């Protein structure tokens, strides 16, 4: 009886250690693959995999910006349901992925009448590739849902700092296999729609407000203010003119 208990304890300990080590290894692989694929440093705070149930939960995923401060993307929680037997294979089969609490940070600046933002280079990477070594693994997600999406719009120069709540999203058969909807195209389309939302709901609104301010300018108030300024400084102006004449 004691031997049986000892064997059971050893199996439990071995399983716990192997699961912990396996989680750390897979976490590192996933971070590296996303970093290389999107050319953005990626960090996953925690990843817990239940190999028996074929489930994984990742928390606090950050995708860094390039040439802009703060994060490009932050996701609070990701739940994954997959076939455990395919985790270490070349073709990972994923039944379901649920993303909850996603914040996309859109930063932009205005220079020489042109908008410079933090997603243009991402779109280029998604279209042309990062130039870094990519994973040789294939994957397909049968169903992907994204809930509680916030689009944060930031432009210190234009004094814009707003948050927009976007609709929940659902996609089917996303991945990089022959029969998948290309995940890079799906990301590009989502980003482009987000930018279109910024242009229609944020930028146009701010421009309208500026036009209203211009239309509401009181001309008489401006004239009186200028007269007051001139009267206050007329002696100084006279002195300067005298010096110039001399």
Protein backbone atom coordinates (compact mmCIF):
# COMPACT_ATOMS: atom_id res chain seq x y z
CA UNK A 1 0.00 0.00 0.00
CA UNK A 2 2.82 2.39 0.93
CA UNK A 3 4.56 1.66 -2.38
CA UNK A 4 1.39 2.50 -4.31
CA UNK A 5 1.01 5.78 -2.44
CA UNK A 6 4.67 6.60 -3.05
CA UNK A 7 4.28 5.91 -6.77
CA UNK A 8 1.16 8.08 -6.96
CA UNK A 9 2.94 10.93 -5.14
CA UNK A 10 5.94 10.65 -7.47
CA UNK A 11 3.66 10.71 -10.53
CA UNK A 12 1.85 13.81 -9.22
CA UNK A 13 5.14 15.58 -8.46
CA UNK A 14 6.60 14.62 -11.84
CA UNK A 15 3.46 15.80 -13.64
CA UNK A 16 3.47 19.10 -11.73
CA UNK A 17 7.14 19.76 -12.48
CA UNK A 18 6.84 18.78 -16.15
CA UNK A 19 3.71 20.95 -16.51
CA UNK A 20 5.49 23.95 -14.95
CA UNK A 21 8.57 23.53 -17.15
CA UNK A 22 6.40 22.87 -20.20
CA UNK A 23 4.39 26.07 -19.57
CA UNK A 24 7.58 28.14 -19.37
CA UNK A 25 9.01 26.63 -22.54
CA UNK A 26 5.81 27.12 -24.54
CA UNK A 27 5.39 30.66 -23.18
CA UNK A 28 8.87 31.54 -24.45
CA UNK A 29 8.17 29.96 -27.84
CA UNK A 30 4.86 31.83 -28.24
CA UNK A 31 6.45 35.16 -27.25
CA UNK A 32 9.29 34.64 -29.72
CA UNK A 33 6.98 33.61 -32.57
CA UNK A 34 4.69 36.62 -32.14
CA UNK A 35 7.69 38.96 -31.77
CA UNK A 36 9.27 37.67 -34.99
CA UNK A 37 6.02 37.52 -36.92
CA UNK A 38 4.84 41.06 -36.09
CA UNK A 39 8.29 42.61 -35.52
CA UNK A 40 7.10 43.91 -32.15
CA UNK A 41 8.48 42.84 -28.78
CA UNK A 42 5.85 40.68 -27.09
CA UNK A 43 5.51 39.75 -23.44
CA UNK A 44 3.10 37.32 -21.77
CA UNK A 45 2.89 37.74 -17.99
CA UNK A 46 1.56 34.26 -17.32
CA UNK A 47 0.58 31.13 -19.24
CA UNK A 48 -1.09 28.13 -17.66
CA UNK A 49 -1.74 24.98 -19.69
CA UNK A 50 -3.92 22.06 -18.66
CA UNK A 51 -2.60 19.28 -20.87
CA UNK A 52 -5.26 16.77 -19.81
CA UNK A 53 -8.18 19.07 -20.68
CA UNK A 54 -6.46 20.69 -23.65
CA UNK A 55 -6.93 24.20 -22.27
CA UNK A 56 -4.64 27.18 -21.85
CA UNK A 57 -5.08 30.57 -20.20
CA UNK A 58 -2.73 33.49 -20.86
CA UNK A 59 -2.92 36.76 -18.97
CA UNK A 60 -1.66 40.30 -19.57
CA UNK A 61 -0.21 40.07 -23.07
CA UNK A 62 1.66 43.18 -24.23
CA UNK A 63 2.74 44.06 -27.74
CA UNK A 64 5.21 46.97 -27.77
CA UNK A 65 5.17 49.94 -30.13
CA UNK A 66 7.91 50.90 -32.55
CA UNK A 67 9.02 54.57 -32.53
CA UNK A 68 6.18 55.43 -30.13
CA UNK A 69 5.92 55.12 -26.35
CA UNK A 70 3.74 52.67 -24.41
CA UNK A 71 2.08 49.52 -25.76
CA UNK A 72 0.51 48.99 -29.15
CA UNK A 73 -1.76 46.27 -27.82
CA UNK A 74 -2.73 44.92 -24.43
CA UNK A 75 -4.95 41.87 -23.80
CA UNK A 76 -6.09 41.00 -20.29
CA UNK A 77 -7.00 37.35 -20.82
CA UNK A 78 -6.85 34.72 -23.55
CA UNK A 79 -8.57 31.35 -23.23
CA UNK A 80 -7.57 28.60 -25.66
CA UNK A 81 -9.20 25.22 -26.24
CA UNK A 82 -7.08 22.89 -28.37
CA UNK A 83 -6.11 19.30 -29.05
CA UNK A 84 -3.37 18.55 -26.53
CA UNK A 85 -1.78 15.97 -28.83
CA UNK A 86 -1.01 18.69 -31.40
CA UNK A 87 0.75 21.15 -29.05
CA UNK A 88 4.23 19.90 -29.93
CA UNK A 89 3.36 18.90 -33.51
CA UNK A 90 3.92 20.91 -36.70
CA UNK A 91 0.17 21.46 -37.15
CA UNK A 92 -1.60 22.82 -34.07
CA UNK A 93 -5.37 22.30 -34.06
CA UNK A 94 -7.25 24.91 -32.03
CA UNK A 95 -10.99 24.63 -31.52
CA UNK A 96 -11.60 27.93 -29.76
CA UNK A 97 -9.86 31.13 -28.71
CA UNK A 98 -11.56 33.77 -26.52
CA UNK A 99 -9.87 37.16 -26.11
CA UNK A 100 -11.28 39.31 -23.32
CA UNK A 101 -10.29 42.88 -22.48
CA UNK A 102 -8.32 44.13 -25.50
CA UNK A 103 -6.92 47.65 -25.65
CA UNK A 104 -5.51 48.92 -28.96
CA UNK A 105 -3.49 52.11 -28.51
CA UNK A 106 -3.46 54.35 -31.57
CA UNK A 107 -0.77 57.04 -31.37
CA UNK A 108 -0.31 59.65 -34.08
CA UNK A 109 1.40 62.95 -34.73
CA UNK A 110 1.03 65.59 -37.43
CA UNK A 111 4.15 66.62 -39.33
CA UNK A 112 4.25 68.68 -42.54
CA UNK A 113 0.49 68.16 -42.94
CA UNK A 114 1.01 64.36 -42.86
CA UNK A 115 -0.14 61.93 -40.20
CA UNK A 116 2.55 59.70 -38.71
CA UNK A 117 1.12 56.86 -36.63
CA UNK A 118 2.13 53.64 -34.87
CA UNK A 119 0.18 51.23 -37.08
CA UNK A 120 1.46 52.08 -40.55
CA UNK A 121 4.68 50.15 -40.03
CA UNK A 122 2.67 47.25 -38.55
CA UNK A 123 0.54 47.07 -41.70
CA UNK A 124 3.72 47.03 -43.77
CA UNK A 125 5.12 44.16 -41.68
CA UNK A 126 1.88 42.19 -42.01
CA UNK A 127 1.93 42.69 -45.77
CA UNK A 128 5.62 42.25 -46.57
CA UNK A 129 6.89 40.22 -43.60
CA UNK A 130 9.23 41.12 -40.77
CA UNK A 131 12.40 39.75 -42.34
CA UNK A 132 13.00 37.70 -39.20
CA UNK A 133 13.01 33.93 -38.95
CA UNK A 134 9.40 32.77 -38.66
CA UNK A 135 7.99 29.65 -37.07
CA UNK A 136 7.60 26.61 -39.31
CA UNK A 137 4.53 25.49 -37.37
CA UNK A 138 1.04 25.66 -38.83
CA UNK A 139 -2.12 26.45 -36.89
CA UNK A 140 -5.82 26.91 -37.44
CA UNK A 141 -8.37 28.44 -35.06
CA UNK A 142 -11.86 27.16 -35.71
CA UNK A 143 -13.51 30.00 -33.79
CA UNK A 144 -12.03 33.24 -32.45
CA UNK A 145 -14.01 35.74 -30.37
CA UNK A 146 -12.85 39.14 -29.11
CA UNK A 147 -14.81 40.88 -26.35
CA UNK A 148 -14.54 44.20 -24.50
CA UNK A 149 -12.44 46.04 -27.09
CA UNK A 150 -11.23 49.56 -26.34
CA UNK A 151 -9.57 51.77 -28.95
CA UNK A 152 -7.44 54.44 -27.23
CA UNK A 153 -6.63 57.43 -29.44
CA UNK A 154 -3.67 59.58 -28.41
CA UNK A 155 -2.07 62.67 -29.94
CA UNK A 156 -0.25 64.96 -27.47
CA UNK A 157 0.39 67.55 -30.19
CA UNK A 158 -3.30 67.91 -31.05
CA UNK A 159 -4.32 67.41 -27.41
CA UNK A 160 -6.42 64.38 -28.25
CA UNK A 161 -6.90 61.60 -25.73
CA UNK A 162 -10.06 59.58 -26.20
CA UNK A 163 -11.34 56.05 -25.78
CA UNK A 164 -13.79 54.34 -28.11
CA UNK A 165 -15.61 51.11 -27.34
CA UNK A 166 -15.68 48.81 -30.37
CA UNK A 167 -18.13 46.01 -31.13
CA UNK A 168 -17.30 42.43 -30.16
CA UNK A 169 -15.78 40.40 -32.99
CA UNK A 170 -16.04 36.80 -34.14
CA UNK A 171 -13.97 35.01 -36.77
CA UNK A 172 -13.86 31.46 -38.07
CA UNK A 173 -11.00 29.34 -39.44
CA UNK A 174 -8.12 31.76 -38.90
CA UNK A 175 -4.50 30.68 -39.16
CA UNK A 176 -1.69 30.03 -41.61
CA UNK A 177 -2.73 26.69 -43.13
CA UNK A 178 -3.83 26.24 -46.73
CA UNK A 179 -7.52 26.19 -45.72
CA UNK A 180 -7.30 29.02 -43.17
CA UNK A 181 -8.23 32.66 -43.52
CA UNK A 182 -4.81 34.31 -43.36
CA UNK A 183 -4.45 35.69 -39.82
CA UNK A 184 -2.23 38.54 -41.06
CA UNK A 185 -4.93 39.76 -43.46
CA UNK A 186 -7.53 39.54 -40.67
CA UNK A 187 -5.33 41.66 -38.37
CA UNK A 188 -4.72 44.23 -41.14
CA UNK A 189 -8.44 44.53 -41.83
CA UNK A 190 -9.19 45.01 -38.13
CA UNK A 191 -6.49 47.69 -37.78
CA UNK A 192 -7.68 49.51 -40.92
CA UNK A 193 -11.27 49.54 -39.64
CA UNK A 194 -10.05 50.89 -36.31
CA UNK A 195 -8.19 53.74 -38.08
CA UNK A 196 -11.30 54.49 -40.16
CA UNK A 197 -13.23 54.78 -36.89
CA UNK A 198 -10.64 57.24 -35.57
CA UNK A 199 -10.92 59.40 -38.69
CA UNK A 200 -14.70 59.46 -38.69
CA UNK A 201 -15.39 59.80 -34.97
CA UNK A 202 -12.36 61.56 -33.50
CA UNK A 203 -10.44 63.58 -36.08
CA UNK A 204 -13.50 64.92 -37.90
CA UNK A 205 -15.09 65.81 -34.55
CA UNK A 206 -12.03 67.77 -33.42
CA UNK A 207 -11.82 69.62 -36.74
CA UNK A 208 -15.51 70.57 -36.45
CA UNK A 209 -14.90 71.90 -32.95
CA UNK A 210 -12.00 74.03 -34.22
CA UNK A 211 -14.21 75.43 -37.01
CA UNK A 212 -16.91 76.25 -34.47
CA UNK A 213 -14.36 78.11 -32.36
CA UNK A 214 -13.30 80.13 -35.40
CA UNK A 215 -16.92 80.90 -36.33
CA UNK A 216 -17.69 82.01 -32.78
CA UNK A 217 -14.84 84.51 -32.61
CA UNK A 218 -16.09 87.95 -31.55
CA UNK A 219 -14.55 90.46 -33.96
CA UNK A 220 -15.39 93.49 -31.77
CA UNK A 221 -13.71 91.82 -28.80
CA UNK A 222 -10.55 91.24 -30.86
CA UNK A 223 -10.52 94.88 -32.05
CA UNK A 224 -10.97 96.23 -28.54
CA UNK A 225 -8.27 93.92 -27.18
CA UNK A 226 -5.83 95.10 -29.87
CA UNK A 227 -6.62 98.74 -29.15
CA UNK A 228 -5.99 98.19 -25.45
CA UNK A 229 -2.67 96.51 -26.15
CA UNK A 230 -1.63 99.34 -28.48
CA UNK A 231 -2.63 102.03 -25.97
CA UNK A 232 -0.69 100.32 -23.20
CA UNK A 233 2.44 99.98 -25.32
CA UNK A 234 2.17 103.17 -27.42
CA UNK A 235 4.93 104.97 -25.49
CA UNK A 236 7.30 102.06 -26.04
CA UNK A 237 6.40 101.97 -29.72
CA UNK A 238 7.05 105.73 -30.04
CA UNK A 239 10.47 105.38 -28.43
CA UNK A 240 11.41 102.56 -30.79
CA UNK A 241 10.27 104.56 -33.82
CA UNK A 242 12.29 107.61 -32.66
CA UNK A 243 15.41 105.44 -32.34
CA UNK A 244 14.87 104.09 -35.82
CA UNK A 245 14.45 107.59 -37.29
CA UNK A 246 17.64 108.78 -35.63
